[in-house]
């Protein structure tokens, strides 16, 4: 198995499942409805929905960088605003996330192993290689997965407090 295939597998596991650490991003998002995804149970924190769009934005940015493009996300691209909070829009956001992630995994799996040590275009830090970036996107998925877990718990606590009152 090539190193690119291993990296693609780690990216896939963090997002889809069979992760060593526990639940993947998709497993964490199972059963989340638009109401929960759009809620802001922690003041000044991002919503689950905003995090989903953020993960998708960075999956696509990494995919584009792997194809040689210089990508810098604006604040609006980094955390796209949620305009429509209907259930259908939430389903579309999840579909977009899955599609974007699948494209990233495919790109990384096919990435030439000989280029993993090459510096990513547009990055001046010498350590910012493709290997570093592909490893980093795994960490990114898991970090935000943890945030989503906490937001789900905070929302559930908020709802049970509202029912108790």
N, C-alpha and C. Protein backbone atom coordinates (compact mmCIF):
# COMPACT_ATOMS: atom_id res chain seq x y z
N UNK A 1 0.85 -1.18 0.00
CA UNK A 1 0.00 0.00 0.00
C UNK A 1 0.89 1.24 0.00
N UNK A 2 0.61 2.18 -0.88
CA UNK A 2 1.41 3.40 -0.95
C UNK A 2 1.08 4.33 0.22
N UNK A 3 1.99 5.24 0.48
CA UNK A 3 1.78 6.21 1.55
C UNK A 3 0.57 7.11 1.23
N UNK A 4 0.36 7.45 -0.02
CA UNK A 4 -0.80 8.25 -0.41
C UNK A 4 -2.09 7.49 -0.11
N UNK A 5 -2.10 6.20 -0.37
CA UNK A 5 -3.28 5.38 -0.08
C UNK A 5 -3.52 5.31 1.42
N UNK A 6 -2.45 5.20 2.20
CA UNK A 6 -2.58 5.19 3.67
C UNK A 6 -3.16 6.52 4.17
N UNK A 7 -2.66 7.61 3.63
CA UNK A 7 -3.16 8.93 4.04
C UNK A 7 -4.64 9.07 3.67
N UNK A 8 -4.99 8.65 2.47
CA UNK A 8 -6.40 8.72 2.04
C UNK A 8 -7.27 7.88 2.96
N UNK A 9 -6.77 6.73 3.40
CA UNK A 9 -7.53 5.87 4.30
C UNK A 9 -7.72 6.55 5.65
N UNK A 10 -6.70 7.22 6.15
CA UNK A 10 -6.84 7.93 7.43
C UNK A 10 -7.85 9.08 7.32
N UNK A 11 -7.81 9.78 6.21
CA UNK A 11 -8.78 10.86 5.97
C UNK A 11 -10.19 10.29 5.92
N UNK A 12 -10.34 9.18 5.22
CA UNK A 12 -11.65 8.52 5.11
C UNK A 12 -12.13 8.05 6.48
N UNK A 13 -11.27 7.42 7.25
CA UNK A 13 -11.66 6.89 8.57
C UNK A 13 -12.10 8.01 9.51
N UNK A 14 -11.38 9.11 9.52
CA UNK A 14 -11.74 10.23 10.40
C UNK A 14 -13.13 10.76 10.05
N UNK A 15 -13.47 10.70 8.79
CA UNK A 15 -14.74 11.27 8.32
C UNK A 15 -15.87 10.25 8.28
N UNK A 16 -15.60 9.04 7.76
CA UNK A 16 -16.67 8.07 7.49
C UNK A 16 -16.83 6.99 8.55
N UNK A 17 -15.75 6.58 9.19
CA UNK A 17 -15.86 5.53 10.18
C UNK A 17 -14.69 4.60 10.21
N UNK A 18 -14.73 3.68 11.16
CA UNK A 18 -13.65 2.74 11.44
C UNK A 18 -12.42 3.47 11.96
N UNK A 19 -12.65 4.60 12.63
CA UNK A 19 -11.55 5.36 13.19
C UNK A 19 -11.11 4.73 14.51
N UNK A 20 -9.84 4.74 14.77
CA UNK A 20 -9.28 4.15 15.97
C UNK A 20 -9.76 4.88 17.23
N UNK A 21 -9.90 6.17 17.14
CA UNK A 21 -10.23 6.99 18.32
C UNK A 21 -11.68 6.88 18.77
N UNK A 22 -12.59 6.53 17.87
CA UNK A 22 -14.02 6.51 18.20
C UNK A 22 -14.84 6.97 17.02
N UNK A 23 -15.92 7.66 17.29
CA UNK A 23 -16.85 8.07 16.23
C UNK A 23 -16.21 9.04 15.24
N UNK A 24 -16.53 8.82 13.98
CA UNK A 24 -16.09 9.70 12.90
C UNK A 24 -17.04 10.88 12.79
N UNK A 25 -16.71 11.82 11.93
CA UNK A 25 -17.56 13.00 11.72
C UNK A 25 -18.96 12.58 11.29
N UNK A 26 -19.07 11.68 10.31
CA UNK A 26 -20.40 11.26 9.86
C UNK A 26 -21.17 10.51 10.94
N UNK A 27 -20.47 9.71 11.73
CA UNK A 27 -21.15 9.01 12.82
C UNK A 27 -21.66 10.01 13.86
N UNK A 28 -20.89 11.04 14.12
CA UNK A 28 -21.30 12.09 15.06
C UNK A 28 -22.52 12.85 14.53
N UNK A 29 -22.56 13.06 13.22
CA UNK A 29 -23.65 13.83 12.61
C UNK A 29 -24.93 13.01 12.41
N UNK A 30 -24.86 11.70 12.59
CA UNK A 30 -26.04 10.86 12.40
C UNK A 30 -27.18 11.33 13.29
N UNK A 31 -28.33 11.52 12.68
CA UNK A 31 -29.52 11.90 13.43
C UNK A 31 -29.65 13.38 13.75
N UNK A 32 -28.63 14.18 13.41
CA UNK A 32 -28.72 15.62 13.67
C UNK A 32 -29.69 16.22 12.66
N UNK A 33 -30.66 16.94 13.16
CA UNK A 33 -31.66 17.61 12.33
C UNK A 33 -31.28 19.09 12.17
N UNK A 34 -31.96 19.74 11.25
CA UNK A 34 -31.66 21.15 10.94
C UNK A 34 -31.78 22.04 12.18
N UNK A 35 -32.78 21.79 13.01
CA UNK A 35 -32.98 22.61 14.22
C UNK A 35 -31.74 22.56 15.11
N UNK A 36 -31.23 21.37 15.32
CA UNK A 36 -30.03 21.20 16.15
C UNK A 36 -28.81 21.80 15.45
N UNK A 37 -28.68 21.53 14.15
CA UNK A 37 -27.52 22.01 13.40
C UNK A 37 -27.44 23.53 13.37
N UNK A 38 -28.58 24.20 13.34
CA UNK A 38 -28.61 25.66 13.26
C UNK A 38 -28.56 26.34 14.63
N UNK A 39 -28.78 25.57 15.69
CA UNK A 39 -28.82 26.15 17.03
C UNK A 39 -27.44 26.63 17.47
N UNK A 40 -27.45 27.64 18.34
CA UNK A 40 -26.20 28.16 18.91
C UNK A 40 -26.29 28.02 20.43
N UNK A 41 -26.13 26.78 20.94
CA UNK A 41 -26.27 26.57 22.38
C UNK A 41 -25.11 27.13 23.20
N UNK A 42 -23.99 27.42 22.54
CA UNK A 42 -22.84 28.02 23.20
C UNK A 42 -22.64 29.39 22.58
N UNK A 43 -22.87 30.41 23.38
CA UNK A 43 -22.75 31.79 22.89
C UNK A 43 -21.37 32.03 22.29
N UNK A 44 -21.34 32.68 21.15
CA UNK A 44 -20.12 33.05 20.42
C UNK A 44 -19.39 31.85 19.80
N UNK A 45 -19.97 30.67 19.85
CA UNK A 45 -19.37 29.50 19.21
C UNK A 45 -20.05 29.29 17.86
N UNK A 46 -19.39 28.60 16.98
CA UNK A 46 -20.00 28.24 15.70
C UNK A 46 -21.08 27.20 15.92
N UNK A 47 -22.03 27.16 15.02
CA UNK A 47 -23.07 26.14 15.06
C UNK A 47 -22.55 24.86 14.39
N UNK A 48 -23.26 23.77 14.59
CA UNK A 48 -22.92 22.53 13.91
C UNK A 48 -22.94 22.75 12.41
N UNK A 49 -23.94 23.44 11.94
CA UNK A 49 -24.08 23.69 10.50
C UNK A 49 -22.88 24.46 9.97
N UNK A 50 -22.49 25.52 10.69
CA UNK A 50 -21.32 26.30 10.27
C UNK A 50 -20.07 25.43 10.24
N UNK A 51 -19.93 24.54 11.21
CA UNK A 51 -18.77 23.65 11.23
C UNK A 51 -18.79 22.67 10.06
N UNK A 52 -19.97 22.18 9.71
CA UNK A 52 -20.09 21.28 8.56
C UNK A 52 -19.64 21.99 7.28
N UNK A 53 -20.10 23.22 7.09
CA UNK A 53 -19.69 23.99 5.90
C UNK A 53 -18.20 24.31 5.93
N UNK A 54 -17.67 24.54 7.12
CA UNK A 54 -16.24 24.82 7.30
C UNK A 54 -15.40 23.59 6.94
N UNK A 55 -15.82 22.42 7.42
CA UNK A 55 -15.10 21.18 7.09
C UNK A 55 -15.10 20.97 5.57
N UNK A 56 -16.26 21.17 4.96
CA UNK A 56 -16.36 21.00 3.51
C UNK A 56 -15.46 22.00 2.78
N UNK A 57 -15.41 23.23 3.27
CA UNK A 57 -14.58 24.26 2.63
C UNK A 57 -13.11 23.86 2.66
N UNK A 58 -12.65 23.32 3.78
CA UNK A 58 -11.25 22.94 3.88
C UNK A 58 -10.94 21.65 3.16
N UNK A 59 -11.89 20.72 3.12
CA UNK A 59 -11.68 19.52 2.30
C UNK A 59 -11.47 19.92 0.85
N UNK A 60 -12.29 20.84 0.38
CA UNK A 60 -12.16 21.30 -1.01
C UNK A 60 -10.87 22.10 -1.22
N UNK A 61 -10.50 22.92 -0.24
CA UNK A 61 -9.26 23.70 -0.36
C UNK A 61 -8.05 22.77 -0.46
N UNK A 62 -8.02 21.74 0.36
CA UNK A 62 -6.91 20.79 0.33
C UNK A 62 -6.90 20.04 -1.01
N UNK A 63 -8.07 19.66 -1.48
CA UNK A 63 -8.16 18.99 -2.79
C UNK A 63 -7.61 19.88 -3.90
N UNK A 64 -8.01 21.14 -3.88
CA UNK A 64 -7.54 22.09 -4.90
C UNK A 64 -6.03 22.30 -4.80
N UNK A 65 -5.52 22.39 -3.57
CA UNK A 65 -4.07 22.55 -3.38
C UNK A 65 -3.32 21.33 -3.91
N UNK A 66 -3.89 20.15 -3.70
CA UNK A 66 -3.26 18.92 -4.19
C UNK A 66 -3.17 18.93 -5.71
N UNK A 67 -4.06 19.67 -6.35
CA UNK A 67 -4.06 19.77 -7.81
C UNK A 67 -3.19 20.93 -8.29
N UNK A 68 -2.45 21.56 -7.37
CA UNK A 68 -1.49 22.59 -7.74
C UNK A 68 -1.99 24.01 -7.65
N UNK A 69 -3.21 24.21 -7.19
CA UNK A 69 -3.75 25.56 -7.10
C UNK A 69 -3.36 26.21 -5.77
N UNK A 70 -3.13 27.51 -5.82
CA UNK A 70 -2.89 28.27 -4.60
C UNK A 70 -4.26 28.68 -4.07
N UNK A 71 -4.57 28.22 -2.87
CA UNK A 71 -5.89 28.48 -2.29
C UNK A 71 -5.73 29.16 -0.94
N UNK A 72 -6.40 30.30 -0.79
CA UNK A 72 -6.51 30.99 0.48
C UNK A 72 -7.98 31.30 0.66
N UNK A 73 -8.55 30.86 1.76
CA UNK A 73 -9.97 31.09 1.99
C UNK A 73 -10.21 32.44 2.65
N UNK A 74 -11.19 33.17 2.15
CA UNK A 74 -11.62 34.40 2.81
C UNK A 74 -12.39 34.01 4.07
N UNK A 75 -12.68 34.97 4.92
CA UNK A 75 -13.45 34.68 6.13
C UNK A 75 -14.80 34.06 5.77
N UNK A 76 -15.44 34.58 4.73
CA UNK A 76 -16.75 34.07 4.31
C UNK A 76 -16.66 32.65 3.73
N UNK A 77 -15.56 32.35 3.06
CA UNK A 77 -15.35 31.00 2.54
C UNK A 77 -14.96 30.02 3.66
N UNK A 78 -14.21 30.51 4.64
CA UNK A 78 -13.75 29.70 5.75
C UNK A 78 -14.93 29.22 6.60
N UNK A 79 -15.85 30.10 6.91
CA UNK A 79 -17.07 29.77 7.63
C UNK A 79 -18.26 30.36 6.88
N UNK A 80 -18.70 29.65 5.84
CA UNK A 80 -19.82 30.17 5.04
C UNK A 80 -21.06 30.40 5.90
N UNK A 81 -21.77 31.47 5.64
CA UNK A 81 -22.98 31.75 6.43
C UNK A 81 -24.10 30.76 6.08
N UNK A 82 -24.91 30.48 7.07
CA UNK A 82 -26.08 29.63 6.87
C UNK A 82 -27.26 30.56 6.64
N UNK A 83 -27.82 30.52 5.45
CA UNK A 83 -28.91 31.42 5.07
C UNK A 83 -30.27 30.75 5.30
N UNK A 84 -30.39 29.55 4.80
CA UNK A 84 -31.64 28.79 4.86
C UNK A 84 -31.48 27.69 5.89
N UNK A 85 -32.32 27.68 6.92
CA UNK A 85 -32.19 26.68 7.99
C UNK A 85 -33.27 25.60 7.91
N UNK A 86 -33.85 25.43 6.74
CA UNK A 86 -34.86 24.39 6.55
C UNK A 86 -34.19 23.01 6.51
N UNK A 87 -34.96 21.98 6.81
CA UNK A 87 -34.44 20.62 6.81
C UNK A 87 -33.84 20.24 5.45
N UNK A 88 -34.47 20.66 4.36
CA UNK A 88 -33.95 20.36 3.02
C UNK A 88 -32.58 20.99 2.79
N UNK A 89 -32.39 22.20 3.29
CA UNK A 89 -31.09 22.87 3.15
C UNK A 89 -30.02 22.14 3.97
N UNK A 90 -30.40 21.63 5.12
CA UNK A 90 -29.47 20.86 5.95
C UNK A 90 -29.05 19.58 5.22
N UNK A 91 -30.02 18.90 4.62
CA UNK A 91 -29.72 17.69 3.84
C UNK A 91 -28.78 18.01 2.69
N UNK A 92 -28.99 19.15 2.04
CA UNK A 92 -28.10 19.57 0.95
C UNK A 92 -26.69 19.86 1.47
N UNK A 93 -26.60 20.47 2.65
CA UNK A 93 -25.29 20.75 3.25
C UNK A 93 -24.55 19.45 3.55
N UNK A 94 -25.26 18.48 4.08
CA UNK A 94 -24.64 17.18 4.37
C UNK A 94 -24.22 16.46 3.09
N UNK A 95 -25.06 16.53 2.06
CA UNK A 95 -24.71 15.93 0.77
C UNK A 95 -23.46 16.59 0.18
N UNK A 96 -23.40 17.91 0.28
CA UNK A 96 -22.23 18.64 -0.22
C UNK A 96 -20.98 18.23 0.56
N UNK A 97 -21.11 18.11 1.87
CA UNK A 97 -19.98 17.68 2.70
C UNK A 97 -19.48 16.31 2.27
N UNK A 98 -20.39 15.38 2.09
CA UNK A 98 -20.01 14.01 1.68
C UNK A 98 -19.36 14.00 0.30
N UNK A 99 -19.92 14.76 -0.62
CA UNK A 99 -19.37 14.82 -1.98
C UNK A 99 -17.97 15.43 -1.98
N UNK A 100 -17.81 16.52 -1.26
CA UNK A 100 -16.52 17.20 -1.18
C UNK A 100 -15.48 16.28 -0.55
N UNK A 101 -15.89 15.60 0.51
CA UNK A 101 -14.96 14.71 1.19
C UNK A 101 -14.55 13.53 0.29
N UNK A 102 -15.51 12.97 -0.42
CA UNK A 102 -15.20 11.86 -1.33
C UNK A 102 -14.19 12.30 -2.39
N UNK A 103 -14.34 13.52 -2.88
CA UNK A 103 -13.39 14.06 -3.86
C UNK A 103 -12.00 14.20 -3.27
N UNK A 104 -11.93 14.61 -2.03
CA UNK A 104 -10.63 14.74 -1.35
C UNK A 104 -9.97 13.37 -1.20
N UNK A 105 -10.72 12.40 -0.72
CA UNK A 105 -10.15 11.06 -0.53
C UNK A 105 -9.64 10.50 -1.86
N UNK A 106 -10.41 10.67 -2.90
CA UNK A 106 -10.01 10.19 -4.23
C UNK A 106 -8.73 10.88 -4.71
N UNK A 107 -8.66 12.18 -4.50
CA UNK A 107 -7.49 12.95 -4.92
C UNK A 107 -6.24 12.50 -4.16
N UNK A 108 -6.37 12.34 -2.84
CA UNK A 108 -5.22 11.94 -2.03
C UNK A 108 -4.80 10.52 -2.38
N UNK A 109 -5.75 9.62 -2.57
CA UNK A 109 -5.42 8.23 -2.92
C UNK A 109 -4.62 8.16 -4.22
N UNK A 110 -4.90 9.05 -5.14
CA UNK A 110 -4.21 9.04 -6.43
C UNK A 110 -3.01 9.97 -6.48
N UNK A 111 -2.68 10.61 -5.36
CA UNK A 111 -1.58 11.57 -5.34
C UNK A 111 -0.25 10.83 -5.47
N UNK A 112 0.65 11.33 -6.33
CA UNK A 112 1.94 10.64 -6.50
C UNK A 112 2.75 10.64 -5.20
N UNK A 113 3.11 9.46 -4.77
CA UNK A 113 3.88 9.32 -3.53
C UNK A 113 5.19 10.11 -3.59
N UNK A 114 5.76 10.22 -4.77
CA UNK A 114 7.02 10.94 -4.95
C UNK A 114 6.88 12.43 -4.66
N UNK A 115 5.65 12.94 -4.62
CA UNK A 115 5.43 14.38 -4.38
C UNK A 115 5.01 14.69 -2.95
N UNK A 116 4.86 13.68 -2.10
CA UNK A 116 4.40 13.92 -0.73
C UNK A 116 5.33 14.85 0.05
N UNK A 117 6.62 14.81 -0.24
CA UNK A 117 7.59 15.67 0.44
C UNK A 117 7.74 17.04 -0.19
N UNK A 118 7.04 17.29 -1.27
CA UNK A 118 7.12 18.60 -1.95
C UNK A 118 6.30 19.64 -1.20
N UNK A 119 6.77 20.86 -1.30
CA UNK A 119 6.07 21.97 -0.66
C UNK A 119 4.80 22.33 -1.42
N UNK A 120 3.75 22.65 -0.67
CA UNK A 120 2.47 23.04 -1.25
C UNK A 120 2.60 24.44 -1.84
N UNK A 121 2.11 24.63 -3.05
CA UNK A 121 2.17 25.93 -3.73
C UNK A 121 1.50 27.01 -2.88
N UNK A 122 2.16 28.15 -2.77
CA UNK A 122 1.61 29.27 -2.02
C UNK A 122 1.97 29.26 -0.55
N UNK A 123 2.64 28.23 -0.08
CA UNK A 123 3.04 28.13 1.33
C UNK A 123 4.52 28.39 1.45
N UNK A 124 4.91 29.31 2.33
CA UNK A 124 6.32 29.66 2.46
C UNK A 124 7.03 28.83 3.54
N UNK A 125 6.26 28.22 4.45
CA UNK A 125 6.87 27.44 5.51
C UNK A 125 7.47 26.16 4.90
N UNK A 126 8.74 25.87 5.16
CA UNK A 126 9.37 24.71 4.54
C UNK A 126 8.74 23.38 4.95
N UNK A 127 8.13 23.33 6.11
CA UNK A 127 7.50 22.09 6.58
C UNK A 127 6.14 21.83 5.92
N UNK A 128 5.59 22.83 5.23
CA UNK A 128 4.23 22.71 4.68
C UNK A 128 4.25 21.91 3.38
N UNK A 129 4.45 20.60 3.55
CA UNK A 129 4.49 19.68 2.42
C UNK A 129 3.10 19.07 2.22
N UNK A 130 2.96 18.32 1.15
CA UNK A 130 1.69 17.63 0.92
C UNK A 130 1.42 16.61 2.02
N UNK A 131 2.46 15.93 2.48
CA UNK A 131 2.28 14.98 3.57
C UNK A 131 1.74 15.69 4.81
N UNK A 132 2.34 16.84 5.14
CA UNK A 132 1.91 17.64 6.28
C UNK A 132 0.45 18.07 6.12
N UNK A 133 0.10 18.53 4.95
CA UNK A 133 -1.27 19.00 4.70
C UNK A 133 -2.27 17.85 4.77
N UNK A 134 -1.95 16.71 4.17
CA UNK A 134 -2.87 15.58 4.19
C UNK A 134 -3.03 15.03 5.61
N UNK A 135 -1.95 15.01 6.38
CA UNK A 135 -2.05 14.59 7.78
C UNK A 135 -2.86 15.61 8.58
N UNK A 136 -2.65 16.86 8.26
CA UNK A 136 -3.34 17.93 8.98
C UNK A 136 -4.85 17.93 8.76
N UNK A 137 -5.30 17.54 7.57
CA UNK A 137 -6.74 17.54 7.32
C UNK A 137 -7.42 16.45 8.15
N UNK A 138 -6.71 15.38 8.46
CA UNK A 138 -7.24 14.36 9.37
C UNK A 138 -7.48 15.00 10.74
N UNK A 139 -6.49 15.71 11.23
CA UNK A 139 -6.60 16.38 12.52
C UNK A 139 -7.74 17.40 12.52
N UNK A 140 -7.87 18.10 11.41
CA UNK A 140 -8.93 19.10 11.26
C UNK A 140 -10.30 18.47 11.39
N UNK A 141 -10.52 17.34 10.70
CA UNK A 141 -11.81 16.65 10.76
C UNK A 141 -12.12 16.25 12.20
N UNK A 142 -11.14 15.68 12.87
CA UNK A 142 -11.36 15.16 14.22
C UNK A 142 -11.57 16.28 15.23
N UNK A 143 -10.84 17.37 15.09
CA UNK A 143 -11.00 18.51 15.98
C UNK A 143 -12.43 19.05 15.92
N UNK A 144 -12.92 19.24 14.71
CA UNK A 144 -14.27 19.78 14.57
C UNK A 144 -15.33 18.74 14.90
N UNK A 145 -15.03 17.46 14.70
CA UNK A 145 -15.94 16.41 15.16
C UNK A 145 -16.15 16.50 16.66
N UNK A 146 -15.07 16.73 17.40
CA UNK A 146 -15.17 16.91 18.85
C UNK A 146 -16.02 18.12 19.22
N UNK A 147 -15.86 19.20 18.49
CA UNK A 147 -16.69 20.38 18.75
C UNK A 147 -18.17 20.07 18.51
N UNK A 148 -18.45 19.32 17.46
CA UNK A 148 -19.84 18.98 17.14
C UNK A 148 -20.44 18.13 18.25
N UNK A 149 -19.68 17.20 18.80
CA UNK A 149 -20.16 16.38 19.92
C UNK A 149 -20.56 17.29 21.09
N UNK A 150 -19.71 18.24 21.42
CA UNK A 150 -20.00 19.15 22.53
C UNK A 150 -21.22 20.03 22.25
N UNK A 151 -21.37 20.48 21.01
CA UNK A 151 -22.53 21.29 20.65
C UNK A 151 -23.82 20.48 20.73
N UNK A 152 -23.76 19.22 20.31
CA UNK A 152 -24.94 18.35 20.43
C UNK A 152 -25.33 18.18 21.89
N UNK A 153 -24.36 17.97 22.76
CA UNK A 153 -24.63 17.81 24.19
C UNK A 153 -25.19 19.10 24.78
N UNK A 154 -24.60 20.23 24.41
CA UNK A 154 -25.06 21.52 24.92
C UNK A 154 -26.50 21.79 24.47
N UNK A 155 -26.82 21.45 23.23
CA UNK A 155 -28.18 21.64 22.72
C UNK A 155 -29.15 20.73 23.47
N UNK A 156 -28.78 19.48 23.67
CA UNK A 156 -29.64 18.54 24.41
C UNK A 156 -29.88 19.04 25.84
N UNK A 157 -28.83 19.54 26.47
CA UNK A 157 -28.98 20.09 27.84
C UNK A 157 -29.91 21.30 27.83
N UNK A 158 -29.76 22.15 26.86
CA UNK A 158 -30.60 23.33 26.72
C UNK A 158 -32.07 22.94 26.54
N UNK A 159 -32.30 21.95 25.71
CA UNK A 159 -33.67 21.48 25.45
C UNK A 159 -34.27 20.81 26.69
N UNK A 160 -33.49 20.04 27.42
CA UNK A 160 -34.05 19.39 28.61
C UNK A 160 -34.27 20.39 29.71
N UNK A 161 -33.48 21.46 29.76
CA UNK A 161 -33.72 22.52 30.74
C UNK A 161 -35.00 23.28 30.40
N UNK A 162 -35.24 23.51 29.10
CA UNK A 162 -36.44 24.21 28.67
C UNK A 162 -37.68 23.40 28.98
N UNK A 163 -37.60 22.08 28.82
CA UNK A 163 -38.75 21.20 29.11
C UNK A 163 -39.00 21.15 30.61
N UNK A 164 -37.92 21.16 31.42
CA UNK A 164 -38.06 21.09 32.87
C UNK A 164 -38.67 22.37 33.44
N UNK A 165 -38.45 23.48 32.75
CA UNK A 165 -38.99 24.77 33.25
C UNK A 165 -40.42 24.87 32.94
